Amino acid sequence: MFGIRTRARSGGFTTLIVAVYLVVGAFVAAGHHYFSNGSDGKGIATAVLAILLWPLVLFGLHIHL
């Protein structure tokens, strides 16, 4: 019984961490203008990669497909 509640809490915490990571990634990608080229498939893929790899973007990696 206690194990189920503990798993639910840790799952909620993990979801919160992932959500915060993605929101920060979206702000970083927007700040580096990755959303301005979202009209085609390559632009969308570049924006998604910039969101997922935002720490590298902050260190100067330029993602272009």
PDB file of N, CA and C in Angstrom:
ATOM      1  N   MET A   1       0.815  -1.187   0.000  1.00  0.00           N
ATOM      2  CA  MET A   1       0.000   0.000   0.000  1.00  0.00           C
ATOM      3  C   MET A   1       0.860   1.254   0.000  1.00  0.00           C
ATOM      4  N   PHE A   2       1.890   1.282   0.827  1.00  0.00           N
ATOM      5  CA  PHE A   2       2.729   2.469   0.893  1.00  0.00           C
ATOM      6  C   PHE A   2       3.563   2.636  -0.368  1.00  0.00           C
ATOM      7  N   GLY A   3       3.950   1.528  -0.988  1.00  0.00           N
ATOM      8  CA  GLY A   3       4.743   1.579  -2.208  1.00  0.00           C
ATOM      9  C   GLY A   3       4.008   2.232  -3.360  1.00  0.00           C
ATOM     10  N   ILE A   4       2.712   2.026  -3.431  1.00  0.00           N
ATOM     11  CA  ILE A   4       1.909   2.609  -4.503  1.00  0.00           C
ATOM     12  C   ILE A   4       1.871   4.125  -4.359  1.00  0.00           C
ATOM     13  N   ARG A   5       1.690   4.615  -3.165  1.00  0.00           N
ATOM     14  CA  ARG A   5       1.657   6.062  -2.952  1.00  0.00           C
ATOM     15  C   ARG A   5       3.012   6.689  -3.224  1.00  0.00           C
ATOM     16  N   THR A   6       4.069   6.033  -2.835  1.00  0.00           N
ATOM     17  CA  THR A   6       5.405   6.564  -3.070  1.00  0.00           C
ATOM     18  C   THR A   6       5.689   6.647  -4.562  1.00  0.00           C
ATOM     19  N   ARG A   7       5.316   5.620  -5.309  1.00  0.00           N
ATOM     20  CA  ARG A   7       5.526   5.647  -6.749  1.00  0.00           C
ATOM     21  C   ARG A   7       4.714   6.757  -7.404  1.00  0.00           C
ATOM     22  N   ALA A   8       3.511   6.977  -6.956  1.00  0.00           N
ATOM     23  CA  ALA A   8       2.677   8.026  -7.534  1.00  0.00           C
ATOM     24  C   ALA A   8       3.296   9.392  -7.278  1.00  0.00           C
ATOM     25  N   ARG A   9       3.815   9.606  -6.100  1.00  0.00           N
ATOM     26  CA  ARG A   9       4.442  10.896  -5.798  1.00  0.00           C
ATOM     27  C   ARG A   9       5.700  11.100  -6.613  1.00  0.00           C
ATOM     28  N   SER A  10       6.546  10.089  -6.706  1.00  0.00           N
ATOM     29  CA  SER A  10       7.777  10.246  -7.461  1.00  0.00           C
ATOM     30  C   SER A  10       7.480  10.401  -8.948  1.00  0.00           C
ATOM     31  N   GLY A  11       6.442   9.750  -9.432  1.00  0.00           N
ATOM     32  CA  GLY A  11       6.047   9.915 -10.823  1.00  0.00           C
ATOM     33  C   GLY A  11       5.575  11.329 -11.101  1.00  0.00           C
ATOM     34  N   GLY A  12       4.858  11.910 -10.175  1.00  0.00           N
ATOM     35  CA  GLY A  12       4.404  13.286 -10.325  1.00  0.00           C
ATOM     36  C   GLY A  12       5.562  14.259 -10.298  1.00  0.00           C
ATOM     37  N   PHE A  13       6.542  13.979  -9.447  1.00  0.00           N
ATOM     38  CA  PHE A  13       7.723  14.827  -9.362  1.00  0.00           C
ATOM     39  C   PHE A  13       8.543  14.732 -10.640  1.00  0.00           C
ATOM     40  N   THR A  14       8.673  13.533 -11.173  1.00  0.00           N
ATOM     41  CA  THR A  14       9.402  13.344 -12.419  1.00  0.00           C
ATOM     42  C   THR A  14       8.709  14.072 -13.564  1.00  0.00           C
ATOM     43  N   THR A  15       7.406  14.005 -13.609  1.00  0.00           N
ATOM     44  CA  THR A  15       6.638  14.711 -14.633  1.00  0.00           C
ATOM     45  C   THR A  15       6.853  16.209 -14.523  1.00  0.00           C
ATOM     46  N   LEU A  16       6.883  16.723 -13.313  1.00  0.00           N
ATOM     47  CA  LEU A  16       7.124  18.152 -13.105  1.00  0.00           C
ATOM     48  C   LEU A  16       8.513  18.541 -13.596  1.00  0.00           C
ATOM     49  N   ILE A  17       9.514  17.739 -13.297  1.00  0.00           N
ATOM     50  CA  ILE A  17      10.884  18.034 -13.737  1.00  0.00           C
ATOM     51  C   ILE A  17      10.968  18.036 -15.263  1.00  0.00           C
ATOM     52  N   VAL A  18      10.350  17.066 -15.908  1.00  0.00           N
ATOM     53  CA  VAL A  18      10.357  16.997 -17.372  1.00  0.00           C
ATOM     54  C   VAL A  18       9.633  18.196 -17.962  1.00  0.00           C
ATOM     55  N   ALA A  19       8.516  18.577 -17.372  1.00  0.00           N
ATOM     56  CA  ALA A  19       7.759  19.733 -17.865  1.00  0.00           C
ATOM     57  C   ALA A  19       8.581  21.008 -17.742  1.00  0.00           C
ATOM     58  N   VAL A  20       9.249  21.196 -16.616  1.00  0.00           N
ATOM     59  CA  VAL A  20      10.088  22.387 -16.419  1.00  0.00           C
ATOM     60  C   VAL A  20      11.239  22.377 -17.424  1.00  0.00           C
ATOM     61  N   TYR A  21      11.860  21.221 -17.632  1.00  0.00           N
ATOM     62  CA  TYR A  21      12.962  21.096 -18.597  1.00  0.00           C
ATOM     63  C   TYR A  21      12.498  21.511 -19.996  1.00  0.00           C
ATOM     64  N   LEU A  22      11.320  21.048 -20.407  1.00  0.00           N
ATOM     65  CA  LEU A  22      10.810  21.372 -21.738  1.00  0.00           C
ATOM     66  C   LEU A  22      10.415  22.838 -21.861  1.00  0.00           C
ATOM     67  N   VAL A  23       9.851  23.413 -20.805  1.00  0.00           N
ATOM     68  CA  VAL A  23       9.485  24.833 -20.841  1.00  0.00           C
ATOM     69  C   VAL A  23      10.738  25.699 -20.934  1.00  0.00           C
ATOM     70  N   VAL A  24      11.748  25.378 -20.140  1.00  0.00           N
ATOM     71  CA  VAL A  24      13.012  26.121 -20.223  1.00  0.00           C
ATOM     72  C   VAL A  24      13.607  25.960 -21.617  1.00  0.00           C
ATOM     73  N   GLY A  25      13.552  24.753 -22.157  1.00  0.00           N
ATOM     74  CA  GLY A  25      14.052  24.515 -23.509  1.00  0.00           C
ATOM     75  C   GLY A  25      13.320  25.338 -24.549  1.00  0.00           C
ATOM     76  N   ALA A  26      12.021  25.473 -24.397  1.00  0.00           N
ATOM     77  CA  ALA A  26      11.249  26.288 -25.340  1.00  0.00           C
ATOM     78  C   ALA A  26      11.654  27.756 -25.251  1.00  0.00           C
ATOM     79  N   PHE A  27      11.897  28.261 -24.042  1.00  0.00           N
ATOM     80  CA  PHE A  27      12.335  29.646 -23.895  1.00  0.00           C
ATOM     81  C   PHE A  27      13.728  29.858 -24.488  1.00  0.00           C
ATOM     82  N   VAL A  28      14.619  28.915 -24.276  1.00  0.00           N
ATOM     83  CA  VAL A  28      15.969  29.023 -24.839  1.00  0.00           C
ATOM     84  C   VAL A  28      15.907  28.964 -26.362  1.00  0.00           C
ATOM     85  N   ALA A  29      15.123  28.037 -26.907  1.00  0.00           N
ATOM     86  CA  ALA A  29      14.993  27.931 -28.356  1.00  0.00           C
ATOM     87  C   ALA A  29      14.387  29.201 -28.947  1.00  0.00           C
ATOM     88  N   ALA A  30      13.403  29.759 -28.277  1.00  0.00           N
ATOM     89  CA  ALA A  30      12.799  31.003 -28.758  1.00  0.00           C
ATOM     90  C   ALA A  30      13.798  32.150 -28.690  1.00  0.00           C
ATOM     91  N   GLY A  31      14.586  32.186 -27.628  1.00  0.00           N
ATOM     92  CA  GLY A  31      15.590  33.232 -27.484  1.00  0.00           C
ATOM     93  C   GLY A  31      16.677  33.165 -28.541  1.00  0.00           C
ATOM     94  N   HIS A  32      16.903  31.980 -29.089  1.00  0.00           N
ATOM     95  CA  HIS A  32      17.899  31.817 -30.150  1.00  0.00           C
ATOM     96  C   HIS A  32      17.252  31.720 -31.532  1.00  0.00           C
ATOM     97  N   HIS A  33      15.993  32.097 -31.632  1.00  0.00           N
ATOM     98  CA  HIS A  33      15.244  32.227 -32.892  1.00  0.00           C
ATOM     99  C   HIS A  33      15.078  30.913 -33.654  1.00  0.00           C
ATOM    100  N   TYR A  34      14.917  29.811 -32.943  1.00  0.00           N
ATOM    101  CA  TYR A  34      14.684  28.537 -33.612  1.00  0.00           C
ATOM    102  C   TYR A  34      13.238  28.368 -34.068  1.00  0.00           C
ATOM    103  N   PHE A  35      12.334  29.196 -33.605  1.00  0.00           N
ATOM    104  CA  PHE A  35      10.944  29.083 -34.023  1.00  0.00           C
ATOM    105  C   PHE A  35      10.649  29.900 -35.271  1.00  0.00           C
ATOM    106  N   SER A  36      11.571  30.719 -35.709  1.00  0.00           N
ATOM    107  CA  SER A  36      11.316  31.556 -36.882  1.00  0.00           C
ATOM    108  C   SER A  36      11.363  30.756 -38.183  1.00  0.00           C
ATOM    109  N   ASN A  37      11.962  29.559 -38.163  1.00  0.00           N
ATOM    110  CA  ASN A  37      12.060  28.736 -39.374  1.00  0.00           C
ATOM    111  C   ASN A  37      11.149  27.520 -39.301  1.00  0.00           C
ATOM    112  N   GLY A  38      10.016  27.646 -38.661  1.00  0.00           N
ATOM    113  CA  GLY A  38       9.120  26.511 -38.467  1.00  0.00           C
ATOM    114  C   GLY A  38       8.146  26.250 -39.588  1.00  0.00           C
ATOM    115  N   SER A  39       8.395  26.785 -40.770  1.00  0.00           N
ATOM    116  CA  SER A  39       7.430  26.619 -41.856  1.00  0.00           C
ATOM    117  C   SER A  39       7.560  25.291 -42.595  1.00  0.00           C
ATOM    118  N   ASP A  40       8.699  24.618 -42.450  1.00  0.00           N
ATOM    119  CA  ASP A  40       8.862  23.333 -43.124  1.00  0.00           C
ATOM    120  C   ASP A  40       9.267  22.259 -42.120  1.00  0.00           C
ATOM    121  N   GLY A  41       9.416  21.049 -42.598  1.00  0.00           N
ATOM    122  CA  GLY A  41       9.748  19.927 -41.718  1.00  0.00           C
ATOM    123  C   GLY A  41      11.102  20.077 -41.049  1.00  0.00           C
ATOM    124  N   LYS A  42      12.087  20.584 -41.793  1.00  0.00           N
ATOM    125  CA  LYS A  42      13.417  20.770 -41.224  1.00  0.00           C
ATOM    126  C   LYS A  42      13.402  21.825 -40.122  1.00  0.00           C
ATOM    127  N   GLY A  43      12.638  22.876 -40.314  1.00  0.00           N
ATOM    128  CA  GLY A  43      12.551  23.927 -39.298  1.00  0.00           C
ATOM    129  C   GLY A  43      11.901  23.425 -38.024  1.00  0.00           C
ATOM    130  N   ILE A  44      10.876  22.613 -38.174  1.00  0.00           N
ATOM    131  CA  ILE A  44      10.201  22.042 -37.005  1.00  0.00           C
ATOM    132  C   ILE A  44      11.126  21.071 -36.286  1.00  0.00           C
ATOM    133  N   ALA A  45      11.826  20.224 -37.043  1.00  0.00           N
ATOM    134  CA  ALA A  45      12.763  19.277 -36.432  1.00  0.00           C
ATOM    135  C   ALA A  45      13.894  20.004 -35.725  1.00  0.00           C
ATOM    136  N   THR A  46      14.380  21.083 -36.302  1.00  0.00           N
ATOM    137  CA  THR A  46      15.431  21.875 -35.672  1.00  0.00           C
ATOM    138  C   THR A  46      14.941  22.491 -34.373  1.00  0.00           C
ATOM    139  N   ALA A  47      13.719  23.005 -34.364  1.00  0.00           N
ATOM    140  CA  ALA A  47      13.159  23.598 -33.151  1.00  0.00           C
ATOM    141  C   ALA A  47      12.976  22.547 -32.061  1.00  0.00           C
ATOM    142  N   VAL A  48      12.503  21.366 -32.430  1.00  0.00           N
ATOM    143  CA  VAL A  48      12.321  20.286 -31.446  1.00  0.00           C
ATOM    144  C   VAL A  48      13.669  19.860 -30.866  1.00  0.00           C
ATOM    145  N   LEU A  49      14.676  19.719 -31.709  1.00  0.00           N
ATOM    146  CA  LEU A  49      16.004  19.370 -31.212  1.00  0.00           C
ATOM    147  C   LEU A  49      16.576  20.460 -30.318  1.00  0.00           C
ATOM    148  N   ALA A  50      16.330  21.712 -30.660  1.00  0.00           N
ATOM    149  CA  ALA A  50      16.809  22.819 -29.826  1.00  0.00           C
ATOM    150  C   ALA A  50      16.137  22.795 -28.457  1.00  0.00           C
ATOM    151  N   ILE A  51      14.864  22.425 -28.411  1.00  0.00           N
ATOM    152  CA  ILE A  51      14.171  22.323 -27.124  1.00  0.00           C
ATOM    153  C   ILE A  51      14.745  21.186 -26.298  1.00  0.00           C
ATOM    154  N   LEU A  52      14.980  20.045 -26.930  1.00  0.00           N
ATOM    155  CA  LEU A  52      15.478  18.880 -26.196  1.00  0.00           C
ATOM    156  C   LEU A  52      16.942  19.025 -25.793  1.00  0.00           C
ATOM    157  N   LEU A  53      17.720  19.723 -26.597  1.00  0.00           N
ATOM    158  CA  LEU A  53      19.152  19.860 -26.347  1.00  0.00           C
ATOM    159  C   LEU A  53      19.524  21.270 -25.902  1.00  0.00           C
ATOM    160  N   TRP A  54      18.628  21.950 -25.192  1.00  0.00           N
ATOM    161  CA  TRP A  54      18.844  23.347 -24.846  1.00  0.00           C
ATOM    162  C   TRP A  54      20.110  23.615 -24.042  1.00  0.00           C
ATOM    163  N   PRO A  55      20.603  22.712 -23.189  1.00  0.00           N
ATOM    164  CA  PRO A  55      21.873  23.038 -22.522  1.00  0.00           C
ATOM    165  C   PRO A  55      23.026  23.207 -23.518  1.00  0.00           C
ATOM    166  N   LEU A  56      23.024  22.407 -24.581  1.00  0.00           N
ATOM    167  CA  LEU A  56      24.053  22.547 -25.604  1.00  0.00           C
ATOM    168  C   LEU A  56      23.902  23.843 -26.388  1.00  0.00           C
ATOM    169  N   VAL A  57      22.667  24.257 -26.606  1.00  0.00           N
ATOM    170  CA  VAL A  57      22.410  25.523 -27.291  1.00  0.00           C
ATOM    171  C   VAL A  57      22.969  26.675 -26.465  1.00  0.00           C
ATOM    172  N   LEU A  58      22.815  26.610 -25.159  1.00  0.00           N
ATOM    173  CA  LEU A  58      23.363  27.660 -24.296  1.00  0.00           C
ATOM    174  C   LEU A  58      24.887  27.717 -24.364  1.00  0.00           C
ATOM    175  N   PHE A  59      25.524  26.571 -24.614  1.00  0.00           N
ATOM    176  CA  PHE A  59      26.980  26.526 -24.710  1.00  0.00           C
ATOM    177  C   PHE A  59      27.482  26.849 -26.119  1.00  0.00           C
ATOM    178  N   GLY A  60      26.586  27.226 -27.023  1.00  0.00           N
ATOM    179  CA  GLY A  60      26.993  27.699 -28.338  1.00  0.00           C
ATOM    180  C   GLY A  60      26.789  26.743 -29.487  1.00  0.00           C
ATOM    181  N   LEU A  61      26.175  25.588 -29.279  1.00  0.00           N
ATOM    182  CA  LEU A  61      25.905  24.667 -30.376  1.00  0.00           C
ATOM    183  C   LEU A  61      24.794  25.243 -31.251  1.00  0.00           C
ATOM    184  N   HIS A  62      25.030  25.293 -32.540  1.00  0.00           N
ATOM    185  CA  HIS A  62      24.021  25.774 -33.487  1.00  0.00           C
ATOM    186  C   HIS A  62      23.430  24.567 -34.200  1.00  0.00           C
ATOM    187  N   ILE A  63      22.157  24.336 -34.002  1.00  0.00           N
ATOM    188  CA  ILE A  63      21.478  23.179 -34.582  1.00  0.00           C
ATOM    189  C   ILE A  63      20.778  23.618 -35.866  1.00  0.00           C
ATOM    190  N   HIS A  64      21.228  23.065 -36.967  1.00  0.00           N
ATOM    191  CA  HIS A  64      20.598  23.352 -38.258  1.00  0.00           C
ATOM    192  C   HIS A  64      20.561  22.071 -39.075  1.00  0.00           C
ATOM    193  N   LEU A  65      19.385  21.693 -39.512  1.00  0.00           N
ATOM    194  CA  LEU A  65      19.238  20.503 -40.353  1.00  0.00           C
ATOM    195  C   LEU A  65      19.099  20.876 -41.796  1.00  0.00           C
TER     196      LEU A  65
END
